[in-house]
N, C-alpha and C. Protein backbone atom coordinates (compact mmCIF):
# COMPACT_ATOMS: atom_id res chain seq x y z
N MET A 1 64.14 -6.26 -28.56
CA MET A 1 64.25 -5.22 -27.60
C MET A 1 64.71 -3.94 -28.28
N ALA A 2 64.10 -2.87 -27.87
CA ALA A 2 64.46 -1.58 -28.47
C ALA A 2 65.75 -1.07 -27.87
N THR A 3 66.60 -0.49 -28.73
CA THR A 3 67.88 0.08 -28.27
C THR A 3 67.99 1.51 -28.78
N ARG A 4 68.68 2.29 -28.00
CA ARG A 4 68.87 3.69 -28.37
C ARG A 4 70.23 3.81 -29.09
N ASN A 5 70.19 4.48 -30.22
CA ASN A 5 71.39 4.71 -31.02
C ASN A 5 72.13 5.95 -30.52
N TYR A 6 73.39 6.13 -31.03
CA TYR A 6 74.19 7.28 -30.62
C TYR A 6 73.57 8.60 -31.04
N ASP A 7 72.81 8.61 -32.08
CA ASP A 7 72.20 9.86 -32.57
C ASP A 7 70.87 10.16 -31.89
N GLY A 8 70.41 9.33 -30.95
CA GLY A 8 69.18 9.53 -30.19
C GLY A 8 67.99 8.78 -30.75
N SER A 9 68.13 8.17 -31.89
CA SER A 9 67.03 7.42 -32.47
C SER A 9 66.92 6.05 -31.79
N ILE A 10 65.78 5.40 -31.97
CA ILE A 10 65.53 4.10 -31.35
C ILE A 10 65.43 3.08 -32.47
N SER A 11 66.07 1.96 -32.26
CA SER A 11 65.96 0.88 -33.23
C SER A 11 65.42 -0.35 -32.50
N MET A 12 64.57 -1.11 -33.21
CA MET A 12 63.99 -2.32 -32.60
C MET A 12 63.78 -3.36 -33.68
N PRO A 13 63.64 -4.60 -33.27
CA PRO A 13 63.41 -5.67 -34.25
C PRO A 13 62.07 -5.46 -34.95
N ALA A 14 61.90 -6.04 -36.09
CA ALA A 14 60.71 -5.84 -36.92
C ALA A 14 59.44 -6.35 -36.23
N ASP A 15 59.50 -7.52 -35.59
CA ASP A 15 58.29 -8.06 -34.94
C ASP A 15 57.85 -7.18 -33.77
N GLU A 16 58.83 -6.64 -33.04
CA GLU A 16 58.51 -5.75 -31.93
C GLU A 16 57.92 -4.44 -32.45
N PHE A 17 58.47 -3.98 -33.57
CA PHE A 17 57.96 -2.75 -34.18
C PHE A 17 56.53 -2.97 -34.69
N ALA A 18 56.22 -4.11 -35.24
CA ALA A 18 54.86 -4.42 -35.72
C ALA A 18 53.88 -4.47 -34.56
N ALA A 19 54.30 -5.07 -33.43
CA ALA A 19 53.43 -5.11 -32.24
C ALA A 19 53.18 -3.70 -31.72
N TYR A 20 54.23 -2.87 -31.74
CA TYR A 20 54.09 -1.48 -31.29
C TYR A 20 53.09 -0.74 -32.19
N GLN A 21 53.17 -0.95 -33.49
CA GLN A 21 52.26 -0.30 -34.42
C GLN A 21 50.81 -0.76 -34.20
N ARG A 22 50.63 -2.07 -33.90
CA ARG A 22 49.26 -2.58 -33.62
C ARG A 22 48.69 -1.92 -32.37
N LYS A 23 49.51 -1.81 -31.33
CA LYS A 23 49.06 -1.17 -30.09
C LYS A 23 48.72 0.29 -30.34
N ALA A 24 49.51 0.95 -31.13
CA ALA A 24 49.25 2.36 -31.46
C ALA A 24 47.96 2.50 -32.25
N ALA A 25 47.71 1.57 -33.17
CA ALA A 25 46.49 1.61 -33.97
C ALA A 25 45.26 1.37 -33.09
N VAL A 26 45.36 0.38 -32.18
CA VAL A 26 44.26 0.11 -31.25
C VAL A 26 44.02 1.32 -30.36
N ASN A 27 45.07 1.92 -29.86
CA ASN A 27 44.95 3.10 -29.00
C ASN A 27 44.28 4.25 -29.77
N ASP A 28 44.68 4.46 -31.03
CA ASP A 28 44.06 5.51 -31.85
C ASP A 28 42.57 5.22 -32.08
N PHE A 29 42.22 3.96 -32.16
CA PHE A 29 40.83 3.56 -32.39
C PHE A 29 39.99 3.69 -31.11
N VAL A 30 40.54 3.29 -29.97
CA VAL A 30 39.80 3.23 -28.71
C VAL A 30 39.73 4.58 -28.00
N GLU A 31 40.78 5.38 -28.08
CA GLU A 31 40.84 6.63 -27.32
C GLU A 31 39.66 7.56 -27.60
N PRO A 32 39.23 7.78 -28.86
CA PRO A 32 38.07 8.66 -29.09
C PRO A 32 36.78 8.11 -28.46
N ILE A 33 36.67 6.79 -28.40
CA ILE A 33 35.47 6.19 -27.79
C ILE A 33 35.45 6.48 -26.30
N PHE A 34 36.59 6.32 -25.62
CA PHE A 34 36.65 6.58 -24.18
C PHE A 34 36.53 8.06 -23.84
N ASN A 35 36.92 8.93 -24.76
CA ASN A 35 36.83 10.37 -24.52
C ASN A 35 35.43 10.92 -24.81
N ASN A 36 34.59 10.14 -25.50
CA ASN A 36 33.21 10.55 -25.80
C ASN A 36 32.34 10.19 -24.60
N LYS A 37 31.66 11.21 -24.02
CA LYS A 37 30.86 10.98 -22.80
C LYS A 37 29.71 9.99 -23.03
N ASP A 38 29.14 10.02 -24.22
CA ASP A 38 28.01 9.13 -24.52
C ASP A 38 28.44 7.68 -24.68
N LEU A 39 29.64 7.45 -25.21
CA LEU A 39 30.09 6.09 -25.50
C LEU A 39 30.96 5.49 -24.40
N ASN A 40 31.50 6.31 -23.51
CA ASN A 40 32.41 5.85 -22.47
C ASN A 40 31.78 4.77 -21.61
N HIS A 41 30.56 4.98 -21.15
CA HIS A 41 29.88 4.03 -20.27
C HIS A 41 29.68 2.69 -20.96
N GLU A 42 29.23 2.72 -22.22
CA GLU A 42 29.01 1.47 -22.95
C GLU A 42 30.33 0.73 -23.18
N ALA A 43 31.38 1.47 -23.49
CA ALA A 43 32.67 0.84 -23.72
C ALA A 43 33.17 0.17 -22.44
N ARG A 44 33.02 0.85 -21.32
CA ARG A 44 33.46 0.27 -20.05
C ARG A 44 32.62 -0.95 -19.68
N GLN A 45 31.34 -0.94 -20.01
CA GLN A 45 30.50 -2.11 -19.77
C GLN A 45 30.99 -3.31 -20.59
N LEU A 46 31.35 -3.05 -21.85
CA LEU A 46 31.86 -4.14 -22.69
C LEU A 46 33.16 -4.69 -22.14
N ILE A 47 34.02 -3.80 -21.67
CA ILE A 47 35.29 -4.26 -21.09
C ILE A 47 35.01 -5.11 -19.84
N LYS A 48 34.07 -4.66 -19.00
CA LYS A 48 33.73 -5.39 -17.77
C LYS A 48 33.13 -6.75 -18.12
N LYS A 49 32.36 -6.79 -19.21
CA LYS A 49 31.74 -8.04 -19.62
C LYS A 49 32.80 -9.03 -20.10
N HIS A 50 33.78 -8.53 -20.87
CA HIS A 50 34.80 -9.42 -21.43
C HIS A 50 35.91 -9.73 -20.42
N TYR A 51 36.26 -8.73 -19.60
CA TYR A 51 37.30 -8.89 -18.58
C TYR A 51 36.71 -8.53 -17.21
N PRO A 52 35.96 -9.43 -16.58
CA PRO A 52 35.26 -9.09 -15.33
C PRO A 52 36.19 -8.76 -14.16
N ASP A 53 37.44 -9.23 -14.19
CA ASP A 53 38.35 -9.00 -13.06
C ASP A 53 39.17 -7.72 -13.20
N VAL A 54 39.08 -7.04 -14.33
CA VAL A 54 39.86 -5.83 -14.55
C VAL A 54 39.25 -4.70 -13.72
N ASP A 55 40.11 -4.02 -12.96
CA ASP A 55 39.66 -2.90 -12.14
C ASP A 55 39.68 -1.63 -12.99
N GLN A 56 38.52 -0.98 -13.10
CA GLN A 56 38.41 0.24 -13.90
C GLN A 56 38.33 1.46 -13.00
N GLY A 57 38.80 1.34 -11.81
CA GLY A 57 38.95 2.47 -10.90
C GLY A 57 37.64 3.13 -10.52
N ALA A 58 37.57 4.43 -10.78
CA ALA A 58 36.42 5.24 -10.38
C ALA A 58 35.12 4.75 -11.01
N TRP A 59 35.21 4.24 -12.25
CA TRP A 59 33.99 3.77 -12.91
C TRP A 59 33.40 2.59 -12.16
N ASP A 60 34.22 1.65 -11.73
CA ASP A 60 33.74 0.51 -10.94
C ASP A 60 33.09 0.98 -9.64
N SER A 61 33.74 1.91 -8.97
CA SER A 61 33.19 2.44 -7.71
C SER A 61 31.85 3.11 -7.96
N GLU A 62 31.79 3.87 -9.03
CA GLU A 62 30.53 4.55 -9.37
C GLU A 62 29.41 3.55 -9.63
N GLN A 63 29.72 2.46 -10.35
CA GLN A 63 28.71 1.45 -10.66
C GLN A 63 28.23 0.74 -9.39
N ARG A 64 29.17 0.44 -8.48
CA ARG A 64 28.78 -0.19 -7.21
C ARG A 64 27.88 0.74 -6.41
N LEU A 65 28.23 2.03 -6.38
CA LEU A 65 27.43 3.02 -5.66
C LEU A 65 26.04 3.15 -6.26
N LYS A 66 25.96 3.21 -7.60
CA LYS A 66 24.66 3.29 -8.26
C LYS A 66 23.81 2.06 -7.96
N ALA A 67 24.44 0.88 -7.96
CA ALA A 67 23.69 -0.35 -7.67
C ALA A 67 23.18 -0.34 -6.23
N GLU A 68 24.01 0.14 -5.31
CA GLU A 68 23.61 0.20 -3.90
C GLU A 68 22.47 1.19 -3.71
N ILE A 69 22.55 2.34 -4.37
CA ILE A 69 21.47 3.35 -4.29
C ILE A 69 20.18 2.79 -4.86
N ALA A 70 20.28 2.10 -6.00
CA ALA A 70 19.09 1.51 -6.62
C ALA A 70 18.47 0.46 -5.69
N ALA A 71 19.31 -0.34 -5.03
CA ALA A 71 18.79 -1.36 -4.11
C ALA A 71 18.09 -0.71 -2.92
N LEU A 72 18.69 0.36 -2.37
CA LEU A 72 18.06 1.06 -1.25
C LEU A 72 16.75 1.71 -1.67
N LYS A 73 16.74 2.28 -2.86
CA LYS A 73 15.52 2.92 -3.38
C LYS A 73 14.41 1.88 -3.56
N LYS A 74 14.77 0.72 -4.12
CA LYS A 74 13.78 -0.35 -4.31
C LYS A 74 13.26 -0.84 -2.96
N GLU A 75 14.16 -0.98 -1.99
CA GLU A 75 13.76 -1.43 -0.65
C GLU A 75 12.78 -0.43 -0.03
N ARG A 76 13.06 0.86 -0.16
CA ARG A 76 12.18 1.90 0.38
C ARG A 76 10.82 1.88 -0.32
N GLU A 77 10.83 1.71 -1.63
CA GLU A 77 9.57 1.65 -2.38
C GLU A 77 8.77 0.40 -1.99
N ASP A 78 9.45 -0.72 -1.78
CA ASP A 78 8.78 -1.95 -1.36
C ASP A 78 8.15 -1.78 0.02
N GLU A 79 8.87 -1.10 0.93
CA GLU A 79 8.32 -0.86 2.27
C GLU A 79 7.09 0.05 2.18
N LYS A 80 7.18 1.09 1.36
CA LYS A 80 6.06 2.01 1.20
C LYS A 80 4.85 1.29 0.60
N LYS A 81 5.12 0.42 -0.38
CA LYS A 81 4.03 -0.33 -1.01
C LYS A 81 3.42 -1.30 0.00
N ALA A 82 4.24 -1.92 0.84
CA ALA A 82 3.73 -2.86 1.85
C ALA A 82 2.83 -2.13 2.84
N VAL A 83 3.21 -0.92 3.24
CA VAL A 83 2.38 -0.12 4.15
C VAL A 83 1.05 0.24 3.48
N GLN A 84 1.12 0.64 2.21
CA GLN A 84 -0.10 0.99 1.49
C GLN A 84 -1.00 -0.24 1.32
N ASP A 85 -0.39 -1.38 1.00
CA ASP A 85 -1.17 -2.61 0.84
C ASP A 85 -1.84 -3.00 2.16
N LYS A 86 -1.11 -2.87 3.26
CA LYS A 86 -1.67 -3.21 4.56
C LYS A 86 -2.84 -2.29 4.91
N ALA A 87 -2.67 -0.99 4.63
CA ALA A 87 -3.75 -0.03 4.90
C ALA A 87 -4.98 -0.34 4.05
N GLU A 88 -4.75 -0.73 2.81
CA GLU A 88 -5.87 -1.05 1.93
C GLU A 88 -6.59 -2.31 2.41
N VAL A 89 -5.83 -3.32 2.83
CA VAL A 89 -6.44 -4.56 3.35
C VAL A 89 -7.27 -4.26 4.60
N GLU A 90 -6.72 -3.42 5.48
CA GLU A 90 -7.44 -3.05 6.71
C GLU A 90 -8.71 -2.27 6.38
N MET A 91 -8.64 -1.37 5.38
CA MET A 91 -9.81 -0.60 4.99
C MET A 91 -10.92 -1.52 4.48
N TRP A 92 -10.55 -2.50 3.62
CA TRP A 92 -11.56 -3.41 3.09
C TRP A 92 -12.11 -4.32 4.18
N ALA A 93 -11.26 -4.73 5.12
CA ALA A 93 -11.73 -5.56 6.24
C ALA A 93 -12.72 -4.78 7.10
N LYS A 94 -12.44 -3.50 7.34
CA LYS A 94 -13.36 -2.66 8.12
C LYS A 94 -14.69 -2.49 7.39
N ARG A 95 -14.62 -2.23 6.09
CA ARG A 95 -15.86 -2.08 5.30
C ARG A 95 -16.68 -3.37 5.33
N LYS A 96 -15.98 -4.51 5.25
CA LYS A 96 -16.67 -5.80 5.29
C LYS A 96 -17.33 -5.99 6.65
N ALA A 97 -16.59 -5.70 7.73
CA ALA A 97 -17.13 -5.88 9.07
C ALA A 97 -18.32 -4.94 9.31
N ASP A 98 -18.23 -3.70 8.82
CA ASP A 98 -19.34 -2.75 8.98
C ASP A 98 -20.59 -3.24 8.27
N ALA A 99 -20.44 -3.71 7.03
CA ALA A 99 -21.59 -4.21 6.27
C ALA A 99 -22.15 -5.48 6.93
N GLN A 100 -21.26 -6.34 7.42
CA GLN A 100 -21.70 -7.57 8.06
C GLN A 100 -22.50 -7.25 9.32
N LYS A 101 -22.02 -6.28 10.09
CA LYS A 101 -22.72 -5.90 11.32
C LYS A 101 -24.05 -5.21 11.01
N LYS A 102 -24.03 -4.31 10.03
CA LYS A 102 -25.24 -3.54 9.71
C LYS A 102 -26.37 -4.46 9.22
N TYR A 103 -26.03 -5.44 8.39
CA TYR A 103 -27.06 -6.30 7.82
C TYR A 103 -27.19 -7.63 8.55
N GLY A 104 -26.39 -7.84 9.60
CA GLY A 104 -26.49 -9.06 10.41
C GLY A 104 -26.21 -10.32 9.62
N LEU A 105 -25.14 -10.31 8.85
CA LEU A 105 -24.82 -11.44 7.98
C LEU A 105 -23.77 -12.34 8.62
N SER A 106 -23.87 -13.63 8.34
CA SER A 106 -22.87 -14.59 8.82
C SER A 106 -21.70 -14.61 7.85
N GLU A 107 -20.66 -15.36 8.21
CA GLU A 107 -19.49 -15.48 7.32
C GLU A 107 -19.88 -16.14 6.00
N GLU A 108 -20.76 -17.12 6.07
CA GLU A 108 -21.21 -17.80 4.86
C GLU A 108 -21.97 -16.82 3.96
N GLU A 109 -22.82 -16.00 4.56
CA GLU A 109 -23.56 -15.01 3.79
C GLU A 109 -22.63 -13.94 3.23
N MET A 110 -21.57 -13.60 3.97
CA MET A 110 -20.60 -12.63 3.44
C MET A 110 -19.87 -13.21 2.23
N GLY A 111 -19.69 -14.52 2.20
CA GLY A 111 -19.12 -15.16 1.01
C GLY A 111 -20.02 -14.95 -0.20
N LYS A 112 -21.34 -15.04 0.03
CA LYS A 112 -22.30 -14.78 -1.05
C LYS A 112 -22.24 -13.31 -1.48
N VAL A 113 -22.07 -12.41 -0.50
CA VAL A 113 -21.96 -10.98 -0.80
C VAL A 113 -20.73 -10.74 -1.68
N GLU A 114 -19.61 -11.38 -1.34
CA GLU A 114 -18.39 -11.21 -2.13
C GLU A 114 -18.56 -11.79 -3.53
N GLN A 115 -19.32 -12.87 -3.65
CA GLN A 115 -19.60 -13.44 -4.97
C GLN A 115 -20.45 -12.48 -5.79
N ILE A 116 -21.42 -11.83 -5.14
CA ILE A 116 -22.23 -10.80 -5.82
C ILE A 116 -21.33 -9.66 -6.28
N MET A 117 -20.38 -9.28 -5.43
CA MET A 117 -19.46 -8.20 -5.80
C MET A 117 -18.67 -8.57 -7.07
N LYS A 118 -18.23 -9.83 -7.15
CA LYS A 118 -17.48 -10.26 -8.33
C LYS A 118 -18.38 -10.33 -9.56
N ASP A 119 -19.55 -10.94 -9.41
CA ASP A 119 -20.44 -11.15 -10.55
C ASP A 119 -20.99 -9.84 -11.09
N GLU A 120 -21.40 -8.96 -10.20
CA GLU A 120 -22.07 -7.72 -10.60
C GLU A 120 -21.09 -6.56 -10.74
N LYS A 121 -19.81 -6.81 -10.45
CA LYS A 121 -18.78 -5.76 -10.50
C LYS A 121 -19.15 -4.57 -9.61
N ILE A 122 -19.49 -4.91 -8.37
CA ILE A 122 -19.81 -3.91 -7.35
C ILE A 122 -18.60 -3.80 -6.44
N TYR A 123 -18.13 -2.58 -6.20
CA TYR A 123 -16.91 -2.39 -5.42
C TYR A 123 -17.20 -1.85 -4.03
N SER A 124 -18.35 -2.22 -3.47
CA SER A 124 -18.72 -1.76 -2.14
C SER A 124 -19.43 -2.90 -1.41
N TYR A 125 -18.91 -3.24 -0.23
CA TYR A 125 -19.57 -4.27 0.58
C TYR A 125 -20.97 -3.81 0.96
N GLU A 126 -21.11 -2.53 1.26
CA GLU A 126 -22.40 -1.96 1.67
C GLU A 126 -23.46 -2.20 0.59
N GLU A 127 -23.12 -1.82 -0.65
CA GLU A 127 -24.10 -1.95 -1.74
C GLU A 127 -24.37 -3.42 -2.08
N ALA A 128 -23.33 -4.25 -2.04
CA ALA A 128 -23.53 -5.67 -2.33
C ALA A 128 -24.37 -6.34 -1.24
N ALA A 129 -24.15 -5.97 0.02
CA ALA A 129 -24.95 -6.54 1.11
C ALA A 129 -26.40 -6.09 0.99
N LEU A 130 -26.62 -4.83 0.62
CA LEU A 130 -27.97 -4.33 0.42
C LEU A 130 -28.65 -5.09 -0.71
N LEU A 131 -27.93 -5.31 -1.81
CA LEU A 131 -28.49 -6.06 -2.93
C LEU A 131 -28.82 -7.49 -2.52
N LYS A 132 -27.94 -8.13 -1.74
CA LYS A 132 -28.20 -9.49 -1.27
C LYS A 132 -29.42 -9.53 -0.37
N SER A 133 -29.52 -8.54 0.53
CA SER A 133 -30.67 -8.52 1.44
C SER A 133 -31.98 -8.29 0.69
N GLN A 134 -31.92 -7.58 -0.44
CA GLN A 134 -33.13 -7.39 -1.24
C GLN A 134 -33.47 -8.63 -2.04
N ARG A 135 -32.46 -9.32 -2.52
CA ARG A 135 -32.70 -10.55 -3.28
C ARG A 135 -33.13 -11.70 -2.39
N GLU A 136 -32.52 -11.78 -1.21
CA GLU A 136 -32.79 -12.88 -0.28
C GLU A 136 -33.14 -12.30 1.09
N PRO A 137 -34.34 -11.78 1.25
CA PRO A 137 -34.68 -11.21 2.56
C PRO A 137 -34.72 -12.29 3.64
N LYS A 138 -34.38 -11.88 4.84
CA LYS A 138 -34.40 -12.83 5.96
C LYS A 138 -35.85 -13.15 6.30
N PRO A 139 -36.14 -14.41 6.57
CA PRO A 139 -37.51 -14.75 6.96
C PRO A 139 -37.82 -14.21 8.36
N ILE A 140 -39.07 -13.83 8.55
CA ILE A 140 -39.51 -13.33 9.84
C ILE A 140 -39.72 -14.53 10.76
N GLU A 141 -39.16 -14.43 11.94
CA GLU A 141 -39.30 -15.53 12.89
C GLU A 141 -40.68 -15.44 13.55
N ALA A 142 -41.42 -16.49 13.39
CA ALA A 142 -42.75 -16.54 14.00
C ALA A 142 -42.63 -17.09 15.41
N THR A 143 -43.29 -16.40 16.33
CA THR A 143 -43.31 -16.88 17.72
C THR A 143 -44.75 -16.99 18.16
N MET A 144 -44.95 -17.80 19.14
CA MET A 144 -46.32 -18.01 19.62
C MET A 144 -46.86 -16.77 20.33
N ASN A 145 -46.01 -15.98 20.94
CA ASN A 145 -46.51 -14.83 21.68
C ASN A 145 -46.29 -13.53 20.90
N SER A 146 -46.22 -13.60 19.58
CA SER A 146 -45.96 -12.41 18.79
C SER A 146 -47.16 -11.45 18.81
N HIS A 147 -48.35 -11.91 19.23
CA HIS A 147 -49.51 -11.03 19.28
C HIS A 147 -49.57 -10.23 20.59
N TYR A 148 -48.66 -10.53 21.54
CA TYR A 148 -48.65 -9.79 22.80
C TYR A 148 -47.93 -8.47 22.64
N TRP A 149 -48.21 -7.54 23.49
CA TRP A 149 -47.66 -6.20 23.44
C TRP A 149 -46.23 -6.15 23.98
N ASN A 150 -45.86 -7.04 24.85
CA ASN A 150 -44.54 -7.10 25.47
C ASN A 150 -44.22 -5.81 26.22
N HIS A 151 -45.22 -5.26 26.91
CA HIS A 151 -45.00 -4.03 27.65
C HIS A 151 -44.02 -4.22 28.80
N ASP A 152 -43.90 -5.44 29.29
CA ASP A 152 -42.99 -5.69 30.41
C ASP A 152 -41.52 -5.61 30.00
N LYS A 153 -41.25 -5.59 28.69
CA LYS A 153 -39.87 -5.49 28.22
C LYS A 153 -39.48 -4.07 27.86
N GLN A 154 -40.38 -3.13 27.97
CA GLN A 154 -40.07 -1.74 27.62
C GLN A 154 -39.32 -1.06 28.76
N ASP A 155 -38.56 -0.01 28.39
CA ASP A 155 -37.79 0.73 29.38
C ASP A 155 -38.72 1.39 30.40
N GLY A 156 -38.36 1.30 31.65
CA GLY A 156 -39.09 1.97 32.73
C GLY A 156 -40.29 1.21 33.26
N PHE A 157 -40.66 0.09 32.67
CA PHE A 157 -41.84 -0.63 33.13
C PHE A 157 -41.68 -1.12 34.56
N LYS A 158 -40.50 -1.58 34.91
CA LYS A 158 -40.29 -2.10 36.26
C LYS A 158 -40.45 -1.00 37.30
N ASP A 159 -40.01 0.25 36.99
CA ASP A 159 -40.18 1.37 37.92
C ASP A 159 -41.66 1.70 38.11
N ILE A 160 -42.40 1.69 37.02
CA ILE A 160 -43.84 2.00 37.11
C ILE A 160 -44.56 0.92 37.91
N ALA A 161 -44.26 -0.35 37.63
CA ALA A 161 -44.94 -1.45 38.30
C ALA A 161 -44.60 -1.49 39.79
N ALA A 162 -43.37 -1.11 40.17
CA ALA A 162 -42.95 -1.16 41.57
C ALA A 162 -43.70 -0.13 42.41
N ASP A 163 -43.78 1.13 41.95
CA ASP A 163 -44.45 2.19 42.72
C ASP A 163 -44.98 3.22 41.73
N PRO A 164 -46.24 3.04 41.26
CA PRO A 164 -46.78 3.94 40.24
C PRO A 164 -46.87 5.40 40.71
N GLU A 165 -47.22 5.64 42.00
CA GLU A 165 -47.35 7.02 42.49
C GLU A 165 -45.99 7.71 42.52
N LYS A 166 -44.99 7.03 42.98
CA LYS A 166 -43.65 7.62 43.03
C LYS A 166 -43.17 7.93 41.61
N TRP A 167 -43.39 7.01 40.67
CA TRP A 167 -42.98 7.24 39.29
C TRP A 167 -43.70 8.46 38.72
N GLY A 168 -45.02 8.57 38.97
CA GLY A 168 -45.79 9.71 38.47
C GLY A 168 -45.28 11.02 39.05
N PHE A 169 -45.03 11.05 40.41
CA PHE A 169 -44.53 12.26 41.06
C PHE A 169 -43.17 12.67 40.47
N ASN A 170 -42.26 11.70 40.32
CA ASN A 170 -40.92 12.00 39.77
C ASN A 170 -41.02 12.51 38.34
N THR A 171 -41.89 11.94 37.55
CA THR A 171 -42.05 12.37 36.17
C THR A 171 -42.58 13.79 36.11
N LEU A 172 -43.61 14.08 36.93
CA LEU A 172 -44.16 15.44 36.96
C LEU A 172 -43.12 16.44 37.45
N PHE A 173 -42.38 16.06 38.48
CA PHE A 173 -41.35 16.95 39.03
C PHE A 173 -40.29 17.28 37.98
N LYS A 174 -39.84 16.27 37.24
CA LYS A 174 -38.85 16.50 36.19
C LYS A 174 -39.39 17.42 35.11
N ASP A 175 -40.65 17.20 34.71
CA ASP A 175 -41.24 18.03 33.66
C ASP A 175 -41.39 19.48 34.11
N VAL A 176 -41.84 19.68 35.36
CA VAL A 176 -42.00 21.04 35.88
C VAL A 176 -40.63 21.72 35.98
N SER A 177 -39.63 21.01 36.46
CA SER A 177 -38.27 21.57 36.58
C SER A 177 -37.74 21.96 35.22
N ARG A 178 -37.95 21.13 34.24
CA ARG A 178 -37.48 21.41 32.88
C ARG A 178 -38.19 22.64 32.31
N LEU A 179 -39.50 22.75 32.58
CA LEU A 179 -40.28 23.89 32.10
C LEU A 179 -39.81 25.18 32.76
N GLN A 180 -39.55 25.14 34.06
CA GLN A 180 -39.06 26.33 34.77
C GLN A 180 -37.68 26.73 34.25
N GLN A 181 -36.83 25.77 34.00
CA GLN A 181 -35.49 26.06 33.48
C GLN A 181 -35.59 26.72 32.11
N LYS A 182 -36.52 26.25 31.30
CA LYS A 182 -36.70 26.79 29.97
C LYS A 182 -37.18 28.23 30.05
N GLN A 183 -38.10 28.53 30.97
CA GLN A 183 -38.60 29.90 31.15
C GLN A 183 -37.49 30.82 31.62
N LYS A 184 -36.64 30.35 32.52
CA LYS A 184 -35.51 31.17 32.99
C LYS A 184 -34.59 31.52 31.85
N MET A 185 -34.35 30.60 30.99
CA MET A 185 -33.43 30.82 29.84
C MET A 185 -34.04 31.83 28.88
N GLN A 186 -35.38 31.82 28.72
CA GLN A 186 -36.04 32.77 27.83
C GLN A 186 -36.00 34.17 28.39
N GLU A 187 -36.12 34.31 29.73
CA GLU A 187 -36.10 35.61 30.37
C GLU A 187 -34.72 36.22 30.31
N PHE A 188 -33.73 35.40 30.37
CA PHE A 188 -32.33 35.88 30.40
C PHE A 188 -31.99 36.44 29.07
């Protein structure tokens, strides 16, 4: 134990003095590292790694805050990426449905279209469906009555067949009215 002498000096046992000198040497060695802005963070990380329960005050709080900010940032980026991924999936599904409807393809045939897209490195359902339809055209369905005109299935046939004179009068009346309207517009 250190004792104070009458003249104001301090005296202590040799082993205590040696321990004091070691602490002073360590302090002289460590203090410049902690005062250097570039090395301070690394030194504190090493201390945290070796002594995980030691509270380093503001530095610990700063690290927790940085970790929380990084987690929130990652969460926001993940949400943004999920929205973008969903929009992209919906876009491709719409393109697939449009091509399927336009070319009248079944789900099985769309599987072949997707295989063409992979094999030929085509990035469009439209172009791959067109290529498939050219490679494998649909057979024409033969019917026994294909030589008939099918005039009874055309628009307006039922009106003509029901009352031909009335249909003719209405058609002429509409044409004359349209012609008169056109002349009025030209005069104006």
